[in-house]
Amino acid sequence: MGLIRRLYELSNSDVAIAGGKGASLGEMTQAGFPVPPGFVVPAQTGLEIDSELEAEIMRASDELGVDLVAVRSSATVEDGVAASWAGELESFLNISRDKIVESIKLCLESIHAPRAREYAAKQKIVGNVPIVVVVQAMVQSEIAGVAFSVHPVTGNKAQLVIEAGWGLGEAVVSGAITPDMYAVNRADTSTVDVYISDQNKALGQDGWYEIMPEKIHQQKLNTTQITELSRLVMRLEDHYGHPADVEWAIQNGTLYIVQCRPITTL
C-alpha cells in the first residue's frame, strides 16, 4: 500500500496523516460537498521524496485528468479552532505536471521559513510540525472569494458574509484586490447590505489581467449565486458544528468549495 491518500479516502479523523486542510477536504468530499478531486502526501517529519514516492505522486496526478493543479501545504496543527495557519505555509497555483514534485518539496520546506516559525511560537507550538501536501485539480475560476457563516466583524449570528472578486480567489485571500461584500440574512438568504468594488484587474492562469471596462463596476455575484453559496455555507456550518470560514470558486457556472476552516476571530 502506498503513501498517497486520495481525498475521498479521508475524513476529519485523519488530521494526523492528512493535516487540517487535507482532512477537511476529505470530510467534505465524503459528505458530498462540491470539492475538486485531489490527494495528499501524508505527514512525515523530514519526508524525503524518493523515486518510488515520486512515481506514486505522478500516478495520482495523472488520475486527476487535468493539465494544471494547485499544490498546498497543510500542517497537522492547521485549520483548527484556535489557529488557522492561513497564509503561513506555501501554496502554488496552476502547476503543470513537470513542476508538481518540485512544488511539493517547496511546500515541505516552508515550515522552516521565518514566518512559519514565528507563527508557531505565537501559538506556543513546540517541536517539529509534520507537513502534509495537498494536490488538487486547479479550478480556473471566473469568480471566487471567501464566505463566513457568521458575520466575522460584528459577530451577528443572523447574518453571513460573502466576499467576491473576478478571477482566482487567491487575489481576495491575499488582500491584493478589494472584493465585493454581501451581508446576507441567513433566514431567507436576502442581501441586507451590499458593497460593490470597482475591480480593474484579476488573477488568472497566466498571472494578472485587465478586466473588461463593462465589468469593472459590475456586481460579481447575482441573486441566484448568492442564494446557492449562502445555503452551501450554512450546510457546512451545520456539518462541522461551528462557524465556518469558506473559500469558494465558480468555474463555468459550477460552484466549488476549495477550503473550509473554523472562524478563529469570533
C-alpha atoms as a PDB file:
ATOM      1  CA  MET A   1       0.000   0.000   0.000  1.00  0.00           C
ATOM      2  CA  GLY A   2       1.406   3.394  -0.983  1.00  0.00           C
ATOM      3  CA  LEU A   3       1.712   6.594   0.993  1.00  0.00           C
ATOM      4  CA  ILE A   4      -0.599   8.714  -1.144  1.00  0.00           C
ATOM      5  CA  ARG A   5      -4.173   9.161   0.078  1.00  0.00           C
ATOM      6  CA  ARG A   6      -6.985  10.324  -2.208  1.00  0.00           C
ATOM      7  CA  LEU A   7      -9.343  12.904  -0.739  1.00  0.00           C
ATOM      8  CA  TYR A   8     -12.302  10.531  -0.968  1.00  0.00           C
ATOM      9  CA  GLU A   9     -10.441   8.190   1.410  1.00  0.00           C
ATOM     10  CA  LEU A  10     -10.080  10.831   4.134  1.00  0.00           C
ATOM     11  CA  SER A  11     -12.238  12.384   6.840  1.00  0.00           C
ATOM     12  CA  ASN A  12     -11.916  14.667   9.860  1.00  0.00           C
ATOM     13  CA  SER A  13     -10.466  11.758  11.840  1.00  0.00           C
ATOM     14  CA  ASP A  14      -7.370  11.776   9.595  1.00  0.00           C
ATOM     15  CA  VAL A  15      -5.798  15.069  10.706  1.00  0.00           C
ATOM     16  CA  ALA A  16      -2.696  13.227  11.954  1.00  0.00           C
ATOM     17  CA  ILE A  17      -1.876  11.988   8.458  1.00  0.00           C
ATOM     18  CA  ALA A  18      -3.673  14.481   6.210  1.00  0.00           C
ATOM     19  CA  GLY A  19      -3.318  17.753   8.127  1.00  0.00           C
ATOM     20  CA  GLY A  20      -6.147  20.136   8.867  1.00  0.00           C
ATOM     21  CA  LYS A  21      -6.678  21.149   5.256  1.00  0.00           C
ATOM     22  CA  GLY A  22      -6.422  17.644   3.814  1.00  0.00           C
ATOM     23  CA  ALA A  23      -8.717  16.115   6.441  1.00  0.00           C
ATOM     24  CA  SER A  24     -11.327  18.843   5.942  1.00  0.00           C
ATOM     25  CA  LEU A  25     -11.268  18.466   2.161  1.00  0.00           C
ATOM     26  CA  GLY A  26     -11.665  14.701   2.564  1.00  0.00           C
ATOM     27  CA  GLU A  27     -14.517  15.168   5.035  1.00  0.00           C
ATOM     28  CA  MET A  28     -16.346  17.469   2.620  1.00  0.00           C
ATOM     29  CA  THR A  29     -15.722  15.104  -0.301  1.00  0.00           C
ATOM     30  CA  GLN A  30     -17.191  12.163   1.615  1.00  0.00           C
ATOM     31  CA  ALA A  31     -20.155  14.309   2.701  1.00  0.00           C
ATOM     32  CA  GLY A  32     -20.969  15.170  -0.912  1.00  0.00           C
ATOM     33  CA  PHE A  33     -19.869  18.800  -0.988  1.00  0.00           C
ATOM     34  CA  PRO A  34     -18.511  20.064  -4.360  1.00  0.00           C
ATOM     35  CA  VAL A  35     -14.758  19.730  -3.725  1.00  0.00           C
ATOM     36  CA  PRO A  36     -12.249  19.481  -6.611  1.00  0.00           C
ATOM     37  CA  PRO A  37     -10.645  15.999  -6.683  1.00  0.00           C
ATOM     38  CA  GLY A  38      -7.182  15.573  -5.245  1.00  0.00           C
ATOM     39  CA  PHE A  39      -4.828  13.665  -2.990  1.00  0.00           C
ATOM     40  CA  VAL A  40      -2.404  14.237  -0.130  1.00  0.00           C
ATOM     41  CA  VAL A  41       1.195  13.301   0.510  1.00  0.00           C
ATOM     42  CA  PRO A  42       0.777  12.339   4.206  1.00  0.00           C
ATOM     43  CA  ALA A  43       2.627  13.806   7.172  1.00  0.00           C
ATOM     44  CA  GLN A  44       6.112  12.699   7.980  1.00  0.00           C
ATOM     45  CA  THR A  45       8.684  14.930   9.613  1.00  0.00           C
ATOM     46  CA  GLY A  46      11.666  15.241   7.299  1.00  0.00           C
ATOM     47  CA  LEU A  47       9.872  13.413   4.499  1.00  0.00           C
ATOM     48  CA  GLU A  48      12.132  12.681   1.548  1.00  0.00           C
ATOM     49  CA  ILE A  49      10.636  12.187  -1.885  1.00  0.00           C
ATOM     50  CA  ASP A  50      12.415   9.135  -3.248  1.00  0.00           C
ATOM     51  CA  SER A  51      11.897   7.669  -6.721  1.00  0.00           C
ATOM     52  CA  GLU A  52       9.143   5.324  -5.519  1.00  0.00           C
ATOM     53  CA  LEU A  53       7.134   8.112  -3.890  1.00  0.00           C
ATOM     54  CA  GLU A  54       7.712  10.384  -6.886  1.00  0.00           C
ATOM     55  CA  ALA A  55       6.279   7.718  -9.193  1.00  0.00           C
ATOM     56  CA  GLU A  56       3.274   7.362  -6.891  1.00  0.00           C
ATOM     57  CA  ILE A  57       2.725  11.125  -6.910  1.00  0.00           C
ATOM     58  CA  MET A  58       2.799  11.206 -10.692  1.00  0.00           C
ATOM     59  CA  ARG A  59       0.303   8.317 -10.971  1.00  0.00           C
ATOM     60  CA  ALA A  60      -2.085  10.083  -8.582  1.00  0.00           C
ATOM     61  CA  SER A  61      -1.657  13.340 -10.508  1.00  0.00           C
ATOM     62  CA  ASP A  62      -2.461  11.652 -13.814  1.00  0.00           C
ATOM     63  CA  GLU A  63      -5.638  10.207 -12.267  1.00  0.00           C
ATOM     64  CA  LEU A  64      -6.955  13.755 -11.795  1.00  0.00           C
ATOM     65  CA  GLY A  65      -7.154  14.152 -15.570  1.00  0.00           C
ATOM     66  CA  VAL A  66      -6.270  17.857 -15.608  1.00  0.00           C
ATOM     67  CA  ASP A  67      -3.403  19.865 -17.068  1.00  0.00           C
ATOM     68  CA  LEU A  68      -2.850  22.075 -14.018  1.00  0.00           C
ATOM     69  CA  VAL A  69      -3.098  21.531 -10.271  1.00  0.00           C
ATOM     70  CA  ALA A  70      -2.954  23.509  -7.041  1.00  0.00           C
ATOM     71  CA  VAL A  71      -0.265  22.384  -4.569  1.00  0.00           C
ATOM     72  CA  ARG A  72      -0.810  23.478  -0.961  1.00  0.00           C
ATOM     73  CA  SER A  73       0.867  22.877   2.383  1.00  0.00           C
ATOM     74  CA  SER A  74      -1.169  21.534   5.282  1.00  0.00           C
ATOM     75  CA  ALA A  75       0.266  21.225   8.788  1.00  0.00           C
ATOM     76  CA  THR A  76      -1.156  18.646  11.183  1.00  0.00           C
ATOM     77  CA  VAL A  77      -1.906  21.565  13.554  1.00  0.00           C
ATOM     78  CA  GLU A  78      -3.543  23.660  10.813  1.00  0.00           C
ATOM     79  CA  ASP A  79      -7.138  24.872  10.359  1.00  0.00           C
ATOM     80  CA  GLY A  80      -8.046  24.367  13.985  1.00  0.00           C
ATOM     81  CA  VAL A  81     -10.449  26.397  16.073  1.00  0.00           C
ATOM     82  CA  ALA A  82      -7.621  28.186  17.885  1.00  0.00           C
ATOM     83  CA  ALA A  83      -5.243  28.759  14.974  1.00  0.00           C
ATOM     84  CA  SER A  84      -5.824  28.622  11.220  1.00  0.00           C
ATOM     85  CA  TRP A  85      -2.245  28.911   9.865  1.00  0.00           C
ATOM     86  CA  ALA A  86      -3.837  30.712   6.918  1.00  0.00           C
ATOM     87  CA  GLY A  87      -1.114  32.098   4.648  1.00  0.00           C
ATOM     88  CA  GLU A  88       1.776  30.923   6.826  1.00  0.00           C
ATOM     89  CA  LEU A  89       2.785  27.974   4.614  1.00  0.00           C
ATOM     90  CA  GLU A  90       3.458  27.853   0.876  1.00  0.00           C
ATOM     91  CA  SER A  91       0.857  27.296  -1.823  1.00  0.00           C
ATOM     92  CA  PHE A  92       1.349  27.084  -5.571  1.00  0.00           C
ATOM     93  CA  LEU A  93      -1.338  27.506  -8.234  1.00  0.00           C
ATOM     94  CA  ASN A  94      -1.512  26.457 -11.886  1.00  0.00           C
ATOM     95  CA  ILE A  95       1.270  23.885 -11.571  1.00  0.00           C
ATOM     96  CA  SER A  96       1.966  21.718 -14.618  1.00  0.00           C
ATOM     97  CA  ARG A  97       2.826  18.024 -14.397  1.00  0.00           C
ATOM     98  CA  ASP A  98       6.581  18.538 -14.650  1.00  0.00           C
ATOM     99  CA  LYS A  99       6.592  21.000 -11.719  1.00  0.00           C
ATOM    100  CA  ILE A 100       4.446  19.051  -9.234  1.00  0.00           C
ATOM    101  CA  VAL A 101       7.234  17.260  -7.347  1.00  0.00           C
ATOM    102  CA  GLU A 102       9.337  20.425  -7.139  1.00  0.00           C
ATOM    103  CA  SER A 103       6.348  22.349  -5.754  1.00  0.00           C
ATOM    104  CA  ILE A 104       5.679  19.628  -3.180  1.00  0.00           C
ATOM    105  CA  LYS A 105       9.279  19.862  -1.968  1.00  0.00           C
ATOM    106  CA  LEU A 106       8.959  23.645  -1.585  1.00  0.00           C
ATOM    107  CA  CYS A 107       5.771  23.164   0.432  1.00  0.00           C
ATOM    108  CA  LEU A 108       7.519  20.703   2.736  1.00  0.00           C
ATOM    109  CA  GLU A 109      10.352  23.168   3.284  1.00  0.00           C
ATOM    110  CA  SER A 110       8.021  26.091   4.046  1.00  0.00           C
ATOM    111  CA  ILE A 111       7.550  25.012   7.669  1.00  0.00           C
ATOM    112  CA  HIS A 112      11.124  26.198   8.265  1.00  0.00           C
ATOM    113  CA  ALA A 113      10.505  29.700   6.877  1.00  0.00           C
ATOM    114  CA  PRO A 114      10.782  32.576   9.404  1.00  0.00           C
ATOM    115  CA  ARG A 115       7.072  33.477   9.169  1.00  0.00           C
ATOM    116  CA  ALA A 116       6.059  29.869   9.935  1.00  0.00           C
ATOM    117  CA  ARG A 117       8.456  29.623  12.886  1.00  0.00           C
ATOM    118  CA  GLU A 118       7.210  32.952  14.271  1.00  0.00           C
ATOM    119  CA  TYR A 119       3.576  31.859  13.929  1.00  0.00           C
ATOM    120  CA  ALA A 120       4.288  28.548  15.667  1.00  0.00           C
ATOM    121  CA  ALA A 121       5.981  30.405  18.515  1.00  0.00           C
ATOM    122  CA  LYS A 122       2.975  32.723  18.924  1.00  0.00           C
ATOM    123  CA  GLN A 123       0.689  29.701  19.090  1.00  0.00           C
ATOM    124  CA  LYS A 124       3.033  28.052  21.645  1.00  0.00           C
ATOM    125  CA  ILE A 125       3.646  25.101  19.323  1.00  0.00           C
ATOM    126  CA  VAL A 126       6.873  23.356  20.338  1.00  0.00           C
ATOM    127  CA  GLY A 127       8.947  20.928  18.267  1.00  0.00           C
ATOM    128  CA  ASN A 128       8.715  19.810  14.665  1.00  0.00           C
ATOM    129  CA  VAL A 129       5.385  20.187  12.878  1.00  0.00           C
ATOM    130  CA  PRO A 130       4.783  17.416  10.320  1.00  0.00           C
ATOM    131  CA  ILE A 131       3.748  18.821   6.949  1.00  0.00           C
ATOM    132  CA  VAL A 132       1.221  17.358   4.539  1.00  0.00           C
ATOM    133  CA  VAL A 133       0.953  18.486   0.929  1.00  0.00           C
ATOM    134  CA  VAL A 134      -2.440  18.636  -0.783  1.00  0.00           C
ATOM    135  CA  VAL A 135      -2.607  18.391  -4.580  1.00  0.00           C
ATOM    136  CA  GLN A 136      -5.943  19.233  -6.237  1.00  0.00           C
ATOM    137  CA  ALA A 137      -7.336  19.806  -9.689  1.00  0.00           C
ATOM    138  CA  MET A 138      -6.983  23.528 -10.381  1.00  0.00           C
ATOM    139  CA  VAL A 139     -10.242  25.483 -10.582  1.00  0.00           C
ATOM    140  CA  GLN A 140      -9.886  28.229 -13.198  1.00  0.00           C
ATOM    141  CA  SER A 141     -12.500  30.431 -11.609  1.00  0.00           C
ATOM    142  CA  GLU A 142     -14.228  33.373 -13.234  1.00  0.00           C
ATOM    143  CA  ILE A 143     -15.416  34.475  -9.768  1.00  0.00           C
ATOM    144  CA  ALA A 144     -14.053  33.439  -6.378  1.00  0.00           C
ATOM    145  CA  GLY A 145     -13.685  34.561  -2.810  1.00  0.00           C
ATOM    146  CA  VAL A 146     -14.423  33.743   0.806  1.00  0.00           C
ATOM    147  CA  ALA A 147     -17.575  33.429   2.889  1.00  0.00           C
ATOM    148  CA  PHE A 148     -18.245  33.424   6.615  1.00  0.00           C
ATOM    149  CA  SER A 149     -21.277  31.678   8.096  1.00  0.00           C
ATOM    150  CA  VAL A 150     -21.404  34.281  10.884  1.00  0.00           C
ATOM    151  CA  HIS A 151     -20.622  37.975  10.387  1.00  0.00           C
ATOM    152  CA  PRO A 152     -16.855  37.990  11.135  1.00  0.00           C
ATOM    153  CA  VAL A 153     -16.736  41.643  12.247  1.00  0.00           C
ATOM    154  CA  THR A 154     -19.940  42.183  14.232  1.00  0.00           C
ATOM    155  CA  GLY A 155     -20.419  38.561  15.317  1.00  0.00           C
ATOM    156  CA  ASN A 156     -24.070  38.800  14.214  1.00  0.00           C
ATOM    157  CA  LYS A 157     -25.270  35.190  14.027  1.00  0.00           C
ATOM    158  CA  ALA A 158     -28.319  36.177  11.964  1.00  0.00           C
ATOM    159  CA  GLN A 159     -26.083  37.189   9.046  1.00  0.00           C
ATOM    160  CA  LEU A 160     -23.436  35.563   6.906  1.00  0.00           C
ATOM    161  CA  VAL A 161     -20.931  37.462   4.784  1.00  0.00           C
ATOM    162  CA  ILE A 162     -19.667  36.761   1.261  1.00  0.00           C
ATOM    163  CA  GLU A 163     -16.657  38.422  -0.364  1.00  0.00           C
ATOM    164  CA  ALA A 164     -16.327  38.016  -4.142  1.00  0.00           C
ATOM    165  CA  GLY A 165     -13.897  39.071  -6.857  1.00  0.00           C
ATOM    166  CA  TRP A 166     -13.224  38.339 -10.512  1.00  0.00           C
ATOM    167  CA  GLY A 167     -10.626  35.654 -11.236  1.00  0.00           C
ATOM    168  CA  LEU A 168      -8.826  33.376  -8.824  1.00  0.00           C
ATOM    169  CA  GLY A 169      -9.641  33.552  -5.118  1.00  0.00           C
ATOM    170  CA  GLU A 170      -6.006  33.996  -4.144  1.00  0.00           C
ATOM    171  CA  ALA A 171      -6.359  37.681  -5.048  1.00  0.00           C
ATOM    172  CA  VAL A 172      -9.114  38.044  -2.429  1.00  0.00           C
ATOM    173  CA  VAL A 173      -7.453  35.895   0.236  1.00  0.00           C
ATOM    174  CA  SER A 174      -4.117  37.712  -0.099  1.00  0.00           C
ATOM    175  CA  GLY A 175      -5.725  41.154   0.002  1.00  0.00           C
ATOM    176  CA  ALA A 176      -4.385  42.048  -3.447  1.00  0.00           C
ATOM    177  CA  ILE A 177      -7.823  43.289  -4.506  1.00  0.00           C
ATOM    178  CA  THR A 178     -10.816  44.773  -2.710  1.00  0.00           C
ATOM    179  CA  PRO A 179     -13.743  42.382  -3.237  1.00  0.00           C
ATOM    180  CA  ASP A 180     -17.495  42.880  -3.307  1.00  0.00           C
ATOM    181  CA  MET A 181     -19.079  42.326   0.105  1.00  0.00           C
ATOM    182  CA  TYR A 182     -22.586  40.968   0.638  1.00  0.00           C
ATOM    183  CA  ALA A 183     -24.141  40.690   4.097  1.00  0.00           C
ATOM    184  CA  VAL A 184     -26.851  38.041   3.831  1.00  0.00           C
ATOM    185  CA  ASN A 185     -29.854  37.349   6.069  1.00  0.00           C
ATOM    186  CA  ARG A 186     -29.487  33.683   6.998  1.00  0.00           C
ATOM    187  CA  ALA A 187     -33.245  33.223   7.429  1.00  0.00           C
ATOM    188  CA  ASP A 188     -34.167  33.846   3.773  1.00  0.00           C
ATOM    189  CA  THR A 189     -30.763  34.461   2.020  1.00  0.00           C
ATOM    190  CA  SER A 190     -31.789  38.023   1.130  1.00  0.00           C
ATOM    191  CA  THR A 191     -28.989  40.587   0.981  1.00  0.00           C
ATOM    192  CA  VAL A 192     -29.181  43.183   3.743  1.00  0.00           C
ATOM    193  CA  ASP A 193     -26.048  45.110   2.764  1.00  0.00           C
ATOM    194  CA  VAL A 194     -24.083  45.228  -0.497  1.00  0.00           C
ATOM    195  CA  TYR A 195     -20.748  46.831  -1.322  1.00  0.00           C
ATOM    196  CA  ILE A 196     -19.674  46.641  -4.976  1.00  0.00           C
ATOM    197  CA  SER A 197     -15.965  47.045  -5.557  1.00  0.00           C
ATOM    198  CA  ASP A 198     -14.517  48.610  -8.706  1.00  0.00           C
ATOM    199  CA  GLN A 199     -12.116  45.885  -9.848  1.00  0.00           C
ATOM    200  CA  ASN A 200      -9.887  46.636 -12.823  1.00  0.00           C
ATOM    201  CA  LYS A 201      -7.530  43.642 -12.606  1.00  0.00           C
ATOM    202  CA  ALA A 202      -7.841  39.957 -11.751  1.00  0.00           C
ATOM    203  CA  LEU A 203      -5.558  36.996 -11.182  1.00  0.00           C
ATOM    204  CA  GLY A 204      -5.783  34.214 -13.743  1.00  0.00           C
ATOM    205  CA  GLN A 205      -3.891  31.200 -15.035  1.00  0.00           C
ATOM    206  CA  ASP A 206      -1.185  33.343 -16.632  1.00  0.00           C
ATOM    207  CA  GLY A 207      -0.993  35.998 -13.909  1.00  0.00           C
ATOM    208  CA  TRP A 208      -2.734  39.365 -13.660  1.00  0.00           C
ATOM    209  CA  TYR A 209      -5.011  40.531 -16.446  1.00  0.00           C
ATOM    210  CA  GLU A 210      -7.148  43.623 -17.048  1.00  0.00           C
ATOM    211  CA  ILE A 211     -10.889  43.467 -16.514  1.00  0.00           C
ATOM    212  CA  MET A 212     -13.071  44.451 -19.454  1.00  0.00           C
ATOM    213  CA  PRO A 213     -14.377  48.027 -18.966  1.00  0.00           C
ATOM    214  CA  GLU A 214     -18.037  46.971 -18.789  1.00  0.00           C
ATOM    215  CA  LYS A 215     -17.255  44.623 -15.849  1.00  0.00           C
ATOM    216  CA  ILE A 216     -15.151  46.964 -13.705  1.00  0.00           C
ATOM    217  CA  HIS A 217     -18.154  48.399 -11.858  1.00  0.00           C
ATOM    218  CA  GLN A 218     -20.310  45.256 -12.113  1.00  0.00           C
ATOM    219  CA  GLN A 219     -21.581  43.240  -9.144  1.00  0.00           C
ATOM    220  CA  LYS A 220     -19.719  39.930  -9.103  1.00  0.00           C
ATOM    221  CA  LEU A 221     -22.467  37.562  -7.893  1.00  0.00           C
ATOM    222  CA  ASN A 222     -26.118  37.615  -8.918  1.00  0.00           C
ATOM    223  CA  THR A 223     -29.021  36.814  -6.598  1.00  0.00           C
ATOM    224  CA  THR A 224     -29.169  33.141  -7.605  1.00  0.00           C
ATOM    225  CA  GLN A 225     -25.451  32.656  -6.949  1.00  0.00           C
ATOM    226  CA  ILE A 226     -25.639  34.437  -3.586  1.00  0.00           C
ATOM    227  CA  THR A 227     -28.500  32.171  -2.548  1.00  0.00           C
ATOM    228  CA  GLU A 228     -26.716  28.983  -3.687  1.00  0.00           C
ATOM    229  CA  LEU A 229     -23.496  29.918  -1.936  1.00  0.00           C
ATOM    230  CA  SER A 230     -25.280  31.059   1.232  1.00  0.00           C
ATOM    231  CA  ARG A 231     -27.135  27.765   1.548  1.00  0.00           C
ATOM    232  CA  LEU A 232     -23.925  25.813   0.974  1.00  0.00           C
ATOM    233  CA  VAL A 233     -22.072  27.808   3.639  1.00  0.00           C
ATOM    234  CA  MET A 234     -24.865  27.199   6.166  1.00  0.00           C
ATOM    235  CA  ARG A 235     -24.790  23.477   5.328  1.00  0.00           C
ATOM    236  CA  LEU A 236     -21.061  23.447   6.020  1.00  0.00           C
ATOM    237  CA  GLU A 237     -21.609  25.145   9.376  1.00  0.00           C
ATOM    238  CA  ASP A 238     -24.243  22.542  10.253  1.00  0.00           C
ATOM    239  CA  HIS A 239     -21.966  19.699   9.155  1.00  0.00           C
ATOM    240  CA  TYR A 240     -18.986  20.861  11.210  1.00  0.00           C
ATOM    241  CA  GLY A 241     -20.948  22.237  14.138  1.00  0.00           C
ATOM    242  CA  HIS A 242     -19.122  25.578  14.289  1.00  0.00           C
ATOM    243  CA  PRO A 243     -19.000  28.881  12.345  1.00  0.00           C
ATOM    244  CA  ALA A 244     -17.259  28.290   9.027  1.00  0.00           C
ATOM    245  CA  ASP A 245     -14.694  30.288   7.045  1.00  0.00           C
ATOM    246  CA  VAL A 246     -15.074  29.033   3.467  1.00  0.00           C
ATOM    247  CA  GLU A 247     -13.006  29.572   0.318  1.00  0.00           C
ATOM    248  CA  TRP A 248     -15.092  29.075  -2.829  1.00  0.00           C
ATOM    249  CA  ALA A 249     -14.746  29.374  -6.595  1.00  0.00           C
ATOM    250  CA  ILE A 250     -17.043  29.346  -9.621  1.00  0.00           C
ATOM    251  CA  GLN A 251     -15.885  27.912 -12.948  1.00  0.00           C
ATOM    252  CA  ASN A 252     -18.245  27.674 -15.939  1.00  0.00           C
ATOM    253  CA  GLY A 253     -21.201  28.257 -13.642  1.00  0.00           C
ATOM    254  CA  THR A 254     -20.270  25.445 -11.227  1.00  0.00           C
ATOM    255  CA  LEU A 255     -19.626  26.291  -7.580  1.00  0.00           C
ATOM    256  CA  TYR A 256     -16.703  24.583  -5.816  1.00  0.00           C
ATOM    257  CA  ILE A 257     -15.520  24.622  -2.202  1.00  0.00           C
ATOM    258  CA  VAL A 258     -11.730  24.688  -2.019  1.00  0.00           C
ATOM    259  CA  GLN A 259     -11.298  25.071   1.740  1.00  0.00           C
ATOM    260  CA  CYS A 260     -13.291  25.249   4.969  1.00  0.00           C
ATOM    261  CA  ARG A 261     -11.921  26.103   8.383  1.00  0.00           C
ATOM    262  CA  PRO A 262     -13.356  27.388  11.667  1.00  0.00           C
ATOM    263  CA  ILE A 263     -13.705  31.151  12.088  1.00  0.00           C
ATOM    264  CA  THR A 264     -10.976  31.968  14.623  1.00  0.00           C
ATOM    265  CA  THR A 265     -11.704  35.700  15.062  1.00  0.00           C
ATOM    266  CA  LEU A 266     -15.040  35.474  16.914  1.00  0.00           C
END
